[in-house]
């Protein structure tokens, strides 16, 4: 991020917690409803792209708002 900032390139790191994905041959199901959904992370990327150019979020840590039942 620091190396590219002067060239006008922004880099942000998104560090998600539990996400309902197909990672490691997992098939998302109803039991994964409590997890962050892929579309939630996609919305976060869109929001980053729309952020005011004077702002540079370098690290974003995000966790599910609730836990498994």
C-alpha atoms as a PDB file:
ATOM      1  CA  UNK A   1       0.000   0.000   0.000  1.00  0.00           C
ATOM      2  CA  UNK A   2       2.731   2.474   0.927  1.00  0.00           C
ATOM      3  CA  UNK A   3       4.753   1.686  -2.199  1.00  0.00           C
ATOM      4  CA  UNK A   4       1.812   2.366  -4.535  1.00  0.00           C
ATOM      5  CA  UNK A   5       0.096   5.282  -2.809  1.00  0.00           C
ATOM      6  CA  UNK A   6       2.197   7.970  -4.531  1.00  0.00           C
ATOM      7  CA  UNK A   7       1.309   6.437  -7.914  1.00  0.00           C
ATOM      8  CA  UNK A   8      -2.403   6.897  -7.153  1.00  0.00           C
ATOM      9  CA  UNK A   9      -3.001   3.188  -6.561  1.00  0.00           C
ATOM     10  CA  UNK A  10      -5.048   2.307  -3.489  1.00  0.00           C
ATOM     11  CA  UNK A  11      -4.744  -1.031  -1.717  1.00  0.00           C
ATOM     12  CA  UNK A  12      -7.054  -2.209   1.036  1.00  0.00           C
ATOM     13  CA  UNK A  13      -6.915  -5.510   2.894  1.00  0.00           C
ATOM     14  CA  UNK A  14     -10.259  -7.103   3.754  1.00  0.00           C
ATOM     15  CA  UNK A  15      -9.959  -9.667   6.548  1.00  0.00           C
ATOM     16  CA  UNK A  16     -13.255 -11.546   6.840  1.00  0.00           C
ATOM     17  CA  UNK A  17     -14.203 -13.989   9.545  1.00  0.00           C
ATOM     18  CA  UNK A  18     -16.495 -16.922   8.769  1.00  0.00           C
ATOM     19  CA  UNK A  19     -17.812 -16.711   5.207  1.00  0.00           C
ATOM     20  CA  UNK A  20     -20.307 -19.085   3.569  1.00  0.00           C
ATOM     21  CA  UNK A  21     -18.239 -20.206   0.562  1.00  0.00           C
ATOM     22  CA  UNK A  22     -17.332 -23.306  -1.412  1.00  0.00           C
ATOM     23  CA  UNK A  23     -13.805 -23.211   0.027  1.00  0.00           C
ATOM     24  CA  UNK A  24     -12.323 -26.634   0.800  1.00  0.00           C
ATOM     25  CA  UNK A  25     -15.154 -28.420  -1.090  1.00  0.00           C
ATOM     26  CA  UNK A  26     -17.790 -27.093   1.336  1.00  0.00           C
ATOM     27  CA  UNK A  27     -21.304 -26.725  -0.042  1.00  0.00           C
ATOM     28  CA  UNK A  28     -22.977 -23.710   1.645  1.00  0.00           C
ATOM     29  CA  UNK A  29     -26.339 -24.593   3.204  1.00  0.00           C
ATOM     30  CA  UNK A  30     -28.960 -23.249   5.617  1.00  0.00           C
ATOM     31  CA  UNK A  31     -26.657 -23.907   8.584  1.00  0.00           C
ATOM     32  CA  UNK A  32     -24.296 -21.270   7.126  1.00  0.00           C
ATOM     33  CA  UNK A  33     -26.912 -18.502   7.294  1.00  0.00           C
ATOM     34  CA  UNK A  34     -25.188 -16.937  10.322  1.00  0.00           C
ATOM     35  CA  UNK A  35     -21.943 -16.497   8.370  1.00  0.00           C
ATOM     36  CA  UNK A  36     -20.932 -13.545   6.232  1.00  0.00           C
ATOM     37  CA  UNK A  37     -22.338 -14.057   2.761  1.00  0.00           C
ATOM     38  CA  UNK A  38     -20.191 -13.568  -0.367  1.00  0.00           C
ATOM     39  CA  UNK A  39     -22.489 -10.768  -1.542  1.00  0.00           C
ATOM     40  CA  UNK A  40     -21.789  -8.907   1.729  1.00  0.00           C
ATOM     41  CA  UNK A  41     -18.082  -8.867   0.884  1.00  0.00           C
ATOM     42  CA  UNK A  42     -18.890  -7.839  -2.683  1.00  0.00           C
ATOM     43  CA  UNK A  43     -20.874  -4.880  -1.344  1.00  0.00           C
ATOM     44  CA  UNK A  44     -17.912  -3.958   0.834  1.00  0.00           C
ATOM     45  CA  UNK A  45     -15.665  -3.841  -2.246  1.00  0.00           C
ATOM     46  CA  UNK A  46     -18.177  -1.646  -4.087  1.00  0.00           C
ATOM     47  CA  UNK A  47     -18.343   0.670  -1.067  1.00  0.00           C
ATOM     48  CA  UNK A  48     -14.536   0.917  -1.024  1.00  0.00           C
ATOM     49  CA  UNK A  49     -14.513   1.857  -4.703  1.00  0.00           C
ATOM     50  CA  UNK A  50     -17.081   4.594  -4.062  1.00  0.00           C
ATOM     51  CA  UNK A  51     -15.242   6.018  -1.058  1.00  0.00           C
ATOM     52  CA  UNK A  52     -14.035   9.587  -1.236  1.00  0.00           C
ATOM     53  CA  UNK A  53     -10.586   9.705  -2.914  1.00  0.00           C
ATOM     54  CA  UNK A  54      -9.048  11.432   0.122  1.00  0.00           C
ATOM     55  CA  UNK A  55      -9.828   8.373   2.266  1.00  0.00           C
ATOM     56  CA  UNK A  56      -7.734   5.199   2.282  1.00  0.00           C
ATOM     57  CA  UNK A  57      -8.944   2.350   4.502  1.00  0.00           C
ATOM     58  CA  UNK A  58      -5.877   0.144   4.730  1.00  0.00           C
ATOM     59  CA  UNK A  59      -7.305  -2.760   6.766  1.00  0.00           C
ATOM     60  CA  UNK A  60     -10.903  -3.835   7.212  1.00  0.00           C
ATOM     61  CA  UNK A  61     -11.622  -6.622   9.672  1.00  0.00           C
ATOM     62  CA  UNK A  62     -15.167  -7.938   9.512  1.00  0.00           C
ATOM     63  CA  UNK A  63     -16.874 -10.679  11.511  1.00  0.00           C
ATOM     64  CA  UNK A  64     -20.357 -12.196  11.487  1.00  0.00           C
ATOM     65  CA  UNK A  65     -22.746 -10.251  13.696  1.00  0.00           C
ATOM     66  CA  UNK A  66     -23.936 -13.423  15.405  1.00  0.00           C
ATOM     67  CA  UNK A  67     -22.663 -16.940  16.036  1.00  0.00           C
ATOM     68  CA  UNK A  68     -23.764 -20.421  15.069  1.00  0.00           C
ATOM     69  CA  UNK A  69     -26.757 -21.758  16.936  1.00  0.00           C
END
